[in-house]
Protein backbone atom coordinates (compact mmCIF):
# COMPACT_ATOMS: atom_id res chain seq x y z
CA MET A 1 87.64 -7.35 16.85
CA VAL A 2 86.35 -4.43 18.83
CA ARG A 3 86.38 -2.35 15.23
CA GLU A 4 84.55 -5.20 13.85
CA PHE A 5 81.93 -5.38 16.44
CA LEU A 6 81.40 -1.86 16.39
CA SER A 7 81.04 -2.18 12.84
CA ARG A 8 78.40 -4.76 12.81
CA PHE A 9 76.47 -3.19 15.65
CA ALA A 10 76.56 -0.16 13.52
CA ALA A 11 74.96 -1.92 10.61
CA SER A 12 72.05 -3.50 12.97
CA SER A 13 69.00 -1.24 12.65
CA SER A 14 67.50 -3.21 15.41
CA ALA A 15 70.48 -2.70 17.81
CA MET A 16 70.93 1.24 17.01
CA ILE A 17 67.31 2.02 17.40
CA GLY A 18 67.22 0.12 20.73
CA LEU A 19 70.56 2.13 21.93
CA GLY A 20 69.01 5.31 20.80
CA LEU A 21 65.52 4.87 22.81
CA LEU A 22 67.69 3.63 26.05
CA THR A 23 70.00 6.62 25.39
CA VAL A 24 66.99 8.64 25.54
CA LEU A 25 65.53 6.93 28.36
CA VAL A 26 68.93 6.99 30.41
CA LEU A 27 69.26 10.58 29.96
CA CYS A 28 65.60 11.13 31.19
CA ALA A 29 66.35 9.37 34.22
CA VAL A 30 70.11 11.14 34.87
CA PHE A 31 68.53 14.52 34.30
CA ALA A 32 65.21 13.86 36.06
CA PRO A 33 65.73 17.05 38.36
CA ALA A 34 66.55 19.39 35.62
CA LEU A 35 63.87 18.09 33.13
CA ALA A 36 60.84 17.97 35.58
CA PRO A 37 58.81 20.85 35.88
CA TYR A 38 57.46 20.10 39.48
CA ASP A 39 57.97 18.10 42.36
CA PRO A 40 57.00 14.68 41.65
CA ASN A 41 55.43 14.23 44.92
CA SER A 42 53.88 17.40 45.38
CA SER A 43 50.03 17.19 45.55
CA ASP A 44 47.70 20.21 44.25
CA LEU A 45 43.92 18.85 44.93
CA PRO A 46 42.18 21.39 42.78
CA SER A 47 44.30 20.45 39.80
CA ALA A 48 43.69 16.55 40.15
CA LEU A 49 42.65 14.41 37.12
CA LYS A 50 43.38 17.64 34.80
CA PRO A 51 44.12 16.33 31.01
CA PRO A 52 47.37 17.22 29.46
CA SER A 53 47.57 21.23 28.94
CA ALA A 54 50.56 23.89 28.68
CA ALA A 55 50.83 23.69 32.46
CA HIS A 56 51.01 19.98 32.86
CA LEU A 57 52.28 18.52 29.60
CA LEU A 58 50.99 15.00 30.38
CA GLY A 59 48.05 15.94 32.83
CA THR A 60 47.85 15.57 36.45
CA ASP A 61 47.04 12.30 38.67
CA GLU A 62 44.26 12.01 40.79
CA LEU A 63 46.04 13.66 43.74
CA GLY A 64 47.03 16.39 41.31
CA ARG A 65 50.78 15.22 40.93
CA ASP A 66 52.49 16.14 37.52
CA ILE A 67 52.62 12.77 35.43
CA LEU A 68 55.61 14.14 33.48
CA SER A 69 57.66 14.82 36.43
CA ARG A 70 56.68 11.57 37.87
CA LEU A 71 57.47 9.62 34.96
CA LEU A 72 60.53 11.04 34.64
CA TYR A 73 61.69 10.55 38.09
CA GLY A 74 60.04 6.97 37.98
CA ALA A 75 62.60 5.96 35.19
CA ARG A 76 65.29 5.82 37.54
CA LEU A 77 63.74 3.46 39.89
CA SER A 78 62.29 1.32 37.10
CA LEU A 79 65.96 1.08 35.37
CA LEU A 80 67.49 0.51 38.55
CA VAL A 81 65.51 -2.32 39.30
CA GLY A 82 65.88 -3.98 36.09
CA VAL A 83 69.68 -3.53 35.86
CA GLU A 84 70.16 -4.79 39.83
CA ALA A 85 67.77 -7.89 39.38
CA VAL A 86 69.61 -8.99 36.55
CA ALA A 87 72.92 -8.44 37.92
CA LEU A 88 71.67 -10.46 41.25
CA ALA A 89 70.49 -12.94 38.90
CA LEU A 90 73.32 -13.26 37.00
CA ALA A 91 75.85 -13.41 39.93
CA VAL A 92 73.64 -16.28 41.26
CA GLY A 93 72.48 -18.25 38.26
CA VAL A 94 76.59 -17.83 36.06
CA VAL A 95 78.00 -19.33 39.37
CA LEU A 96 75.16 -22.53 39.47
CA GLY A 97 74.94 -23.10 35.63
CA ALA A 98 78.78 -23.52 35.55
CA VAL A 99 78.91 -25.80 38.35
CA ALA A 100 76.39 -28.00 37.23
CA GLY A 101 77.69 -27.81 33.49
CA PHE A 102 81.47 -28.65 34.86
CA TYR A 103 80.88 -30.93 37.36
CA GLY A 104 77.87 -32.92 36.28
CA GLY A 105 76.61 -36.27 37.81
CA LYS A 106 74.67 -35.66 41.37
CA ILE A 107 75.84 -31.83 41.71
CA GLU A 108 74.16 -31.20 38.12
CA THR A 109 71.21 -32.97 39.03
CA ALA A 110 70.68 -31.51 42.56
CA ILE A 111 71.04 -28.05 41.10
CA MET A 112 68.98 -28.28 37.96
CA SER A 113 65.91 -30.05 40.03
CA VAL A 114 65.63 -26.98 41.97
CA MET A 115 65.98 -24.80 38.81
CA ASP A 116 63.13 -27.13 37.02
CA ILE A 117 60.81 -26.62 40.13
CA MET A 118 61.23 -22.96 40.07
CA LEU A 119 60.63 -22.68 36.50
CA SER A 120 57.37 -24.63 37.19
CA PHE A 121 55.85 -21.80 38.88
CA PRO A 122 54.84 -18.53 36.92
CA SER A 123 57.54 -16.17 37.78
CA ILE A 124 55.51 -13.03 38.58
CA LEU A 125 53.44 -15.50 41.17
CA LEU A 126 56.87 -16.67 42.81
CA ALA A 127 58.04 -12.88 42.77
CA ILE A 128 54.68 -12.08 44.71
CA ALA A 129 55.32 -14.94 46.79
CA PHE A 130 58.86 -13.75 47.56
CA MET A 131 57.52 -10.20 48.20
CA THR A 132 55.21 -11.54 50.43
CA VAL A 133 57.87 -12.86 52.95
CA LEU A 134 60.38 -10.07 52.17
CA GLY A 135 57.94 -7.33 52.57
CA ARG A 136 57.60 -4.13 50.30
CA GLY A 137 60.35 -2.05 49.22
CA LEU A 138 62.73 -1.37 46.25
CA ASP A 139 65.27 -3.39 47.58
CA LYS A 140 63.10 -6.34 48.29
CA ALA A 141 61.81 -6.18 44.82
CA VAL A 142 65.11 -6.49 43.24
CA ILE A 143 65.82 -9.77 45.48
CA ALA A 144 62.48 -11.41 44.46
CA ILE A 145 62.76 -10.53 40.82
CA GLY A 146 66.34 -11.66 40.71
CA ILE A 147 65.82 -14.76 42.65
CA VAL A 148 62.81 -15.92 40.53
CA THR A 149 64.78 -15.32 37.07
CA VAL A 150 68.12 -17.20 38.26
CA PRO A 151 66.78 -20.26 36.54
CA HIS A 152 66.96 -18.99 33.24
CA TYR A 153 70.40 -17.72 33.26
CA ALA A 154 71.51 -20.92 34.87
CA ARG A 155 70.07 -23.33 32.13
CA ILE A 156 71.96 -21.24 29.52
CA VAL A 157 75.55 -21.10 31.39
CA ARG A 158 75.03 -24.97 31.78
CA GLY A 159 74.09 -25.73 28.30
CA CYS A 160 77.12 -23.56 27.03
CA VAL A 161 79.46 -25.00 29.62
CA LEU A 162 78.33 -28.42 28.42
CA SER A 163 79.39 -27.35 24.61
CA VAL A 164 82.48 -26.24 25.33
CA LYS A 165 83.98 -28.31 28.54
CA GLU A 166 85.67 -30.80 26.20
CA ASN A 167 87.30 -28.41 23.58
CA VAL A 168 90.97 -28.74 23.14
CA TYR A 169 91.90 -25.88 25.35
CA VAL A 170 90.18 -26.39 28.05
CA MET A 171 91.66 -29.74 28.04
CA ALA A 172 95.24 -28.27 27.75
CA ALA A 173 94.69 -25.98 30.58
CA ARG A 174 93.78 -28.87 33.00
CA SER A 175 96.80 -30.57 31.68
CA ILE A 176 99.23 -27.92 32.71
CA GLY A 177 97.85 -28.16 36.29
CA ASN A 178 95.01 -25.30 36.23
CA GLY A 179 92.52 -25.77 39.00
CA ASP A 180 88.57 -26.26 38.54
CA GLY A 181 87.86 -22.75 39.31
CA ARG A 182 90.65 -21.44 37.18
CA LEU A 183 89.21 -23.64 34.35
CA ILE A 184 85.91 -22.42 34.92
CA PHE A 185 86.20 -18.66 35.30
CA VAL A 186 88.97 -18.26 33.13
CA HIS A 187 89.00 -20.55 30.83
CA ILE A 188 85.35 -21.33 29.97
CA LEU A 189 82.95 -18.90 30.77
CA PRO A 190 84.86 -16.18 28.80
CA ASN A 191 84.14 -18.11 25.53
CA VAL A 192 80.33 -18.18 26.30
CA LEU A 193 79.84 -14.88 27.05
CA ALA A 194 77.85 -13.86 23.82
CA PRO A 195 74.70 -16.00 24.99
CA ILE A 196 74.69 -15.01 28.48
CA ILE A 197 75.12 -10.87 27.31
CA VAL A 198 72.21 -11.28 24.80
CA ARG A 199 70.07 -13.06 27.52
CA ALA A 200 70.89 -10.47 30.34
CA THR A 201 70.02 -7.49 28.12
CA ILE A 202 66.55 -8.80 27.04
CA GLY A 203 66.36 -9.92 30.88
CA VAL A 204 66.32 -6.33 31.98
CA SER A 205 63.10 -5.75 29.94
CA VAL A 206 61.44 -8.94 31.73
CA ALA A 207 62.54 -7.72 35.17
CA ILE A 208 61.19 -4.29 34.69
CA LEU A 209 58.02 -5.71 33.55
CA GLU A 210 57.74 -7.89 36.77
CA ALA A 211 58.60 -4.77 38.70
CA ALA A 212 55.72 -3.00 37.08
CA ALA A 213 53.47 -5.63 37.74
CA LEU A 214 54.51 -5.75 41.43
CA GLY A 215 53.97 -2.17 41.85
CA PHE A 216 50.47 -2.29 39.79
CA LEU A 217 49.49 -5.23 42.68
CA GLY A 218 50.90 -3.04 45.18
CA LEU A 219 53.84 -4.79 46.42
CA GLY A 220 56.40 -2.36 44.93
CA VAL A 221 57.79 0.93 46.20
CA GLU A 222 55.96 2.80 49.14
CA PRO A 223 53.84 5.51 48.11
CA PRO A 224 54.29 8.52 47.32
CA THR A 225 57.54 7.52 45.30
CA ALA A 226 57.12 7.57 41.60
CA GLU A 227 57.48 4.10 40.01
CA TRP A 228 55.83 3.40 36.70
CA GLY A 229 53.71 0.20 38.04
CA THR A 230 52.67 1.87 41.09
CA MET A 231 51.21 5.05 38.73
CA LEU A 232 49.28 2.24 36.89
CA GLY A 233 48.08 0.81 39.78
CA SER A 234 46.65 4.29 41.09
CA GLY A 235 45.44 5.25 38.05
CA ARG A 236 43.29 1.95 37.50
CA GLN A 237 40.00 3.39 39.51
CA THR A 238 39.98 6.60 36.95
CA ILE A 239 40.70 4.88 33.76
CA PHE A 240 37.29 5.78 31.99
CA ASN A 241 37.17 9.61 33.15
CA ALA A 242 40.97 10.40 33.04
CA PRO A 243 42.50 7.59 30.58
CA HIS A 244 45.76 9.91 30.38
CA ILE A 245 46.77 8.70 34.28
CA VAL A 246 47.65 5.01 32.62
CA THR A 247 48.36 5.98 29.29
CA PHE A 248 51.57 7.69 29.84
CA PRO A 249 53.27 5.13 32.32
CA GLY A 250 51.95 2.45 30.15
CA LEU A 251 54.04 3.77 26.98
CA ALA A 252 57.19 4.42 29.25
CA ILE A 253 56.86 1.02 30.22
CA THR A 254 56.17 -0.03 26.58
CA LEU A 255 59.17 2.06 25.27
CA THR A 256 61.45 0.68 27.72
CA VAL A 257 60.50 -2.98 26.99
CA MET A 258 61.04 -2.45 23.38
CA ALA A 259 64.40 -0.68 23.75
CA PHE A 260 65.78 -3.60 25.50
CA ASN A 261 64.47 -6.19 23.47
CA LEU A 262 65.73 -4.54 20.14
CA LEU A 263 69.24 -4.22 21.45
CA GLY A 264 69.03 -7.68 22.73
CA ASP A 265 68.17 -8.53 19.26
CA GLY A 266 70.62 -6.52 17.74
CA LEU A 267 73.58 -7.82 19.91
CA ARG A 268 72.42 -11.53 18.92
CA ASP A 269 72.74 -10.49 15.41
CA VAL A 270 75.81 -9.06 15.75
CA LEU A 271 77.61 -11.84 18.16
CA ASP A 272 75.97 -15.00 16.89
CA PRO A 273 79.21 -16.30 14.76
CA ARG A 274 76.95 -18.20 12.53
CA LEU A 275 75.63 -14.75 11.07
CA LYS A 276 78.76 -13.44 10.30
């Protein structure tokens, strides 16, 4: 089974391209201290707004900080926020969706009504509202983004649970005395992992975009910490006379989002039994 999965994964061009891009990004983030030519937070005002050159391959920002160094360190935060936010959303959304789908009735109505109310607001607007209450900071951004994406996972899991809870193997497990918790987490959820994995992979890209948007609006990490969205926000005042300040962080966000989307599309093709 594992060999078949790896074979199908290797045959998917989308999955391989996404995995390749993601591998490069992760390596850049992990080895940022070794790869960065300068201290990402070190200012050099006489060198401010310098275009790309041999000394600064991607130029400098409004405070003379090396953009390449800040991009490498910023990759750590952007990837961390994306993964942690999705992990939080999964932990809550999977449980809520599984409970709603398994029990149905008033429990399902109550849970899904709350999810529908949250989905009625634009996710970035809801995230801004949570950040206003929680305050600035990386941990607050993770919580805010994680909360606003919970409904997406809850709805997917609920639909999957509804489609399999009456299957023969679930009824057999119930007949031999398995409790509700065991039925949900041992016999049902492991059989609906494919759509959850695909959605979580693509969800990381969504979380990275929302983290960048919060940073752009000044609600992300505290300066002078390097983060791609914050870099975009601080560079918008000089976009016309020093476009490189926003071009390279924008490209970094675009490539990262594309990598996760391609990987998610590839996993969908590999894990979807209808495509075998």
